[in-house]
């Protein structure tokens, strides 16, 4: 939840923000925790160049290969209810790597997998 809020709040400075736009409807941001009748998509975005949809699933720790089913379910829903003539891809972002997930993803072309890292540092201003 904190990572998601940080990601949304700093979207334009991230690698994702360089490629994808967050979605606004009636002037309100709807990308974060996008509600569907089959569950809640962590982040729903669109490709800056093509307008294609991107389902982003965030995992606090280690993602498992069952995460693939969740992402594919959301991708199918977006394809049927929102995409019209656009394509839909998925992105899984996790803190810890999972070997089973990597093997499963070798067979799925439209889902990318990323690991995130958290860096924290202090800079002394006055001693």
C-alpha atoms as a PDB file:
ATOM      1  CA  UNK A   1       0.000   0.000   0.000  1.00  0.00           C
ATOM      2  CA  UNK A   2       2.861   2.428   0.806  1.00  0.00           C
ATOM      3  CA  UNK A   3       4.801   1.374  -2.272  1.00  0.00           C
ATOM      4  CA  UNK A   4       1.694   1.842  -4.415  1.00  0.00           C
ATOM      5  CA  UNK A   5       1.063   5.325  -2.977  1.00  0.00           C
ATOM      6  CA  UNK A   6       4.715   6.264  -3.547  1.00  0.00           C
ATOM      7  CA  UNK A   7       4.600   4.960  -7.115  1.00  0.00           C
ATOM      8  CA  UNK A   8       1.411   6.879  -7.946  1.00  0.00           C
ATOM      9  CA  UNK A   9       2.660  10.051  -6.227  1.00  0.00           C
ATOM     10  CA  UNK A  10       5.935   9.974  -8.153  1.00  0.00           C
ATOM     11  CA  UNK A  11       4.607   8.462 -11.367  1.00  0.00           C
ATOM     12  CA  UNK A  12       6.220  10.871 -13.831  1.00  0.00           C
ATOM     13  CA  UNK A  13       9.680  10.307 -12.319  1.00  0.00           C
ATOM     14  CA  UNK A  14       9.494   6.508 -12.661  1.00  0.00           C
ATOM     15  CA  UNK A  15      10.363   4.311 -15.624  1.00  0.00           C
ATOM     16  CA  UNK A  16       6.666   3.384 -15.801  1.00  0.00           C
ATOM     17  CA  UNK A  17       5.650   7.030 -15.908  1.00  0.00           C
ATOM     18  CA  UNK A  18       7.900   7.607 -18.908  1.00  0.00           C
ATOM     19  CA  UNK A  19       6.016   4.973 -20.922  1.00  0.00           C
ATOM     20  CA  UNK A  20       2.510   4.962 -19.442  1.00  0.00           C
ATOM     21  CA  UNK A  21      -0.143   7.470 -18.401  1.00  0.00           C
ATOM     22  CA  UNK A  22      -2.387   7.182 -15.383  1.00  0.00           C
ATOM     23  CA  UNK A  23      -6.079   7.311 -16.234  1.00  0.00           C
ATOM     24  CA  UNK A  24      -8.351  10.173 -15.262  1.00  0.00           C
ATOM     25  CA  UNK A  25     -12.111  10.217 -15.667  1.00  0.00           C
ATOM     26  CA  UNK A  26     -14.049  13.454 -15.149  1.00  0.00           C
ATOM     27  CA  UNK A  27     -10.875  15.079 -13.802  1.00  0.00           C
ATOM     28  CA  UNK A  28     -10.385  12.391 -11.152  1.00  0.00           C
ATOM     29  CA  UNK A  29      -7.546   9.874 -11.035  1.00  0.00           C
ATOM     30  CA  UNK A  30      -9.022   6.381 -11.353  1.00  0.00           C
ATOM     31  CA  UNK A  31      -5.893   4.342 -12.152  1.00  0.00           C
ATOM     32  CA  UNK A  32      -5.088   3.394  -8.557  1.00  0.00           C
ATOM     33  CA  UNK A  33      -7.171   0.560  -7.086  1.00  0.00           C
ATOM     34  CA  UNK A  34      -9.312   0.365 -10.223  1.00  0.00           C
ATOM     35  CA  UNK A  35     -12.529  -1.410  -9.263  1.00  0.00           C
ATOM     36  CA  UNK A  36     -13.965  -4.158 -11.461  1.00  0.00           C
ATOM     37  CA  UNK A  37     -16.689  -6.707 -10.802  1.00  0.00           C
ATOM     38  CA  UNK A  38     -13.994  -9.425 -10.559  1.00  0.00           C
ATOM     39  CA  UNK A  39     -11.600  -7.671  -8.178  1.00  0.00           C
ATOM     40  CA  UNK A  40      -9.463  -4.572  -7.821  1.00  0.00           C
ATOM     41  CA  UNK A  41      -6.617  -3.817 -10.233  1.00  0.00           C
ATOM     42  CA  UNK A  42      -3.693  -2.247  -8.353  1.00  0.00           C
ATOM     43  CA  UNK A  43      -2.908   0.177 -11.182  1.00  0.00           C
ATOM     44  CA  UNK A  44      -4.538   0.519 -14.597  1.00  0.00           C
ATOM     45  CA  UNK A  45      -2.643   2.704 -17.058  1.00  0.00           C
ATOM     46  CA  UNK A  46      -2.406   3.396 -20.775  1.00  0.00           C
ATOM     47  CA  UNK A  47       0.557   3.429 -23.138  1.00  0.00           C
ATOM     48  CA  UNK A  48       1.569   7.029 -23.955  1.00  0.00           C
ATOM     49  CA  UNK A  49       2.141   6.237 -27.642  1.00  0.00           C
ATOM     50  CA  UNK A  50      -0.573   3.723 -28.502  1.00  0.00           C
ATOM     51  CA  UNK A  51      -3.277   4.165 -25.870  1.00  0.00           C
ATOM     52  CA  UNK A  52      -3.129   0.414 -25.170  1.00  0.00           C
ATOM     53  CA  UNK A  53      -4.046  -0.646 -21.639  1.00  0.00           C
ATOM     54  CA  UNK A  54      -1.611  -1.886 -18.999  1.00  0.00           C
ATOM     55  CA  UNK A  55      -2.684  -3.851 -15.920  1.00  0.00           C
ATOM     56  CA  UNK A  56      -0.080  -3.475 -13.161  1.00  0.00           C
ATOM     57  CA  UNK A  57      -0.114  -5.904 -10.243  1.00  0.00           C
ATOM     58  CA  UNK A  58       2.065  -5.068  -7.237  1.00  0.00           C
ATOM     59  CA  UNK A  59       3.237  -7.728  -4.798  1.00  0.00           C
ATOM     60  CA  UNK A  60       4.601  -6.791  -1.369  1.00  0.00           C
ATOM     61  CA  UNK A  61       6.969  -9.693  -1.214  1.00  0.00           C
ATOM     62  CA  UNK A  62       7.499 -12.676  -3.407  1.00  0.00           C
ATOM     63  CA  UNK A  63       5.096 -13.099  -6.296  1.00  0.00           C
ATOM     64  CA  UNK A  64       3.993 -16.632  -7.046  1.00  0.00           C
ATOM     65  CA  UNK A  65       2.933 -18.218 -10.287  1.00  0.00           C
ATOM     66  CA  UNK A  66      -0.677 -17.881  -9.102  1.00  0.00           C
ATOM     67  CA  UNK A  67      -0.172 -14.140  -9.603  1.00  0.00           C
ATOM     68  CA  UNK A  68      -0.280 -14.889 -13.325  1.00  0.00           C
ATOM     69  CA  UNK A  69      -3.878 -16.050 -13.071  1.00  0.00           C
ATOM     70  CA  UNK A  70      -4.814 -12.836 -11.288  1.00  0.00           C
ATOM     71  CA  UNK A  71      -3.119 -10.625 -13.903  1.00  0.00           C
ATOM     72  CA  UNK A  72      -4.598 -12.592 -16.817  1.00  0.00           C
ATOM     73  CA  UNK A  73      -8.076 -12.359 -15.269  1.00  0.00           C
ATOM     74  CA  UNK A  74      -7.764  -8.562 -15.016  1.00  0.00           C
ATOM     75  CA  UNK A  75      -6.335  -8.321 -18.525  1.00  0.00           C
ATOM     76  CA  UNK A  76      -9.300 -10.306 -19.867  1.00  0.00           C
ATOM     77  CA  UNK A  77     -11.743  -8.041 -18.049  1.00  0.00           C
ATOM     78  CA  UNK A  78     -10.079  -4.870 -19.399  1.00  0.00           C
ATOM     79  CA  UNK A  79     -10.033  -6.367 -22.897  1.00  0.00           C
ATOM     80  CA  UNK A  80     -13.751  -7.107 -22.748  1.00  0.00           C
ATOM     81  CA  UNK A  81     -15.007  -4.002 -20.918  1.00  0.00           C
ATOM     82  CA  UNK A  82     -12.622  -1.145 -21.750  1.00  0.00           C
ATOM     83  CA  UNK A  83     -10.120  -1.848 -24.494  1.00  0.00           C
ATOM     84  CA  UNK A  84     -12.383  -1.790 -27.568  1.00  0.00           C
ATOM     85  CA  UNK A  85      -9.767  -1.838 -30.375  1.00  0.00           C
ATOM     86  CA  UNK A  86      -6.745  -1.506 -28.054  1.00  0.00           C
ATOM     87  CA  UNK A  87      -4.513  -4.289 -26.772  1.00  0.00           C
ATOM     88  CA  UNK A  88      -3.951  -5.122 -23.112  1.00  0.00           C
ATOM     89  CA  UNK A  89      -0.719  -6.143 -21.450  1.00  0.00           C
ATOM     90  CA  UNK A  90       0.205  -6.947 -17.884  1.00  0.00           C
ATOM     91  CA  UNK A  91       3.061  -6.051 -15.587  1.00  0.00           C
ATOM     92  CA  UNK A  92       3.903  -7.832 -12.343  1.00  0.00           C
ATOM     93  CA  UNK A  93       6.112  -5.938  -9.892  1.00  0.00           C
ATOM     94  CA  UNK A  94       7.423  -7.738  -6.807  1.00  0.00           C
ATOM     95  CA  UNK A  95      10.036  -7.277  -4.109  1.00  0.00           C
ATOM     96  CA  UNK A  96      11.392 -10.826  -4.188  1.00  0.00           C
ATOM     97  CA  UNK A  97      12.111 -13.019  -7.182  1.00  0.00           C
ATOM     98  CA  UNK A  98      10.265 -16.288  -7.787  1.00  0.00           C
ATOM     99  CA  UNK A  99      11.705 -19.016 -10.005  1.00  0.00           C
ATOM    100  CA  UNK A 100       8.302 -20.682 -10.627  1.00  0.00           C
ATOM    101  CA  UNK A 101       6.835 -17.392 -11.778  1.00  0.00           C
ATOM    102  CA  UNK A 102       9.680 -16.858 -14.256  1.00  0.00           C
ATOM    103  CA  UNK A 103       9.145 -20.291 -15.811  1.00  0.00           C
ATOM    104  CA  UNK A 104       5.409 -19.712 -16.145  1.00  0.00           C
ATOM    105  CA  UNK A 105       5.944 -16.278 -17.692  1.00  0.00           C
ATOM    106  CA  UNK A 106       8.187 -17.716 -20.411  1.00  0.00           C
ATOM    107  CA  UNK A 107       4.954 -18.940 -22.052  1.00  0.00           C
ATOM    108  CA  UNK A 108       3.055 -15.645 -21.803  1.00  0.00           C
ATOM    109  CA  UNK A 109       4.054 -12.900 -24.227  1.00  0.00           C
ATOM    110  CA  UNK A 110       1.937 -10.018 -22.918  1.00  0.00           C
ATOM    111  CA  UNK A 111       3.091 -10.004 -19.272  1.00  0.00           C
ATOM    112  CA  UNK A 112       6.309  -8.369 -18.064  1.00  0.00           C
ATOM    113  CA  UNK A 113       7.944  -9.041 -14.708  1.00  0.00           C
ATOM    114  CA  UNK A 114       9.946  -6.537 -12.638  1.00  0.00           C
ATOM    115  CA  UNK A 115      11.535  -6.513  -9.204  1.00  0.00           C
ATOM    116  CA  UNK A 116      11.549  -3.296  -7.226  1.00  0.00           C
ATOM    117  CA  UNK A 117      14.232  -2.104  -4.858  1.00  0.00           C
ATOM    118  CA  UNK A 118      13.880   0.353  -2.026  1.00  0.00           C
ATOM    119  CA  UNK A 119      16.764   2.708  -1.294  1.00  0.00           C
ATOM    120  CA  UNK A 120      16.897   5.039   1.681  1.00  0.00           C
ATOM    121  CA  UNK A 121      19.645   7.447   2.586  1.00  0.00           C
ATOM    122  CA  UNK A 122      20.216  10.381   4.882  1.00  0.00           C
ATOM    123  CA  UNK A 123      22.115  13.526   4.002  1.00  0.00           C
ATOM    124  CA  UNK A 124      23.465  15.527   6.895  1.00  0.00           C
ATOM    125  CA  UNK A 125      22.604  19.198   6.600  1.00  0.00           C
ATOM    126  CA  UNK A 126      23.874  20.600   9.898  1.00  0.00           C
ATOM    127  CA  UNK A 127      26.272  18.902  12.312  1.00  0.00           C
END
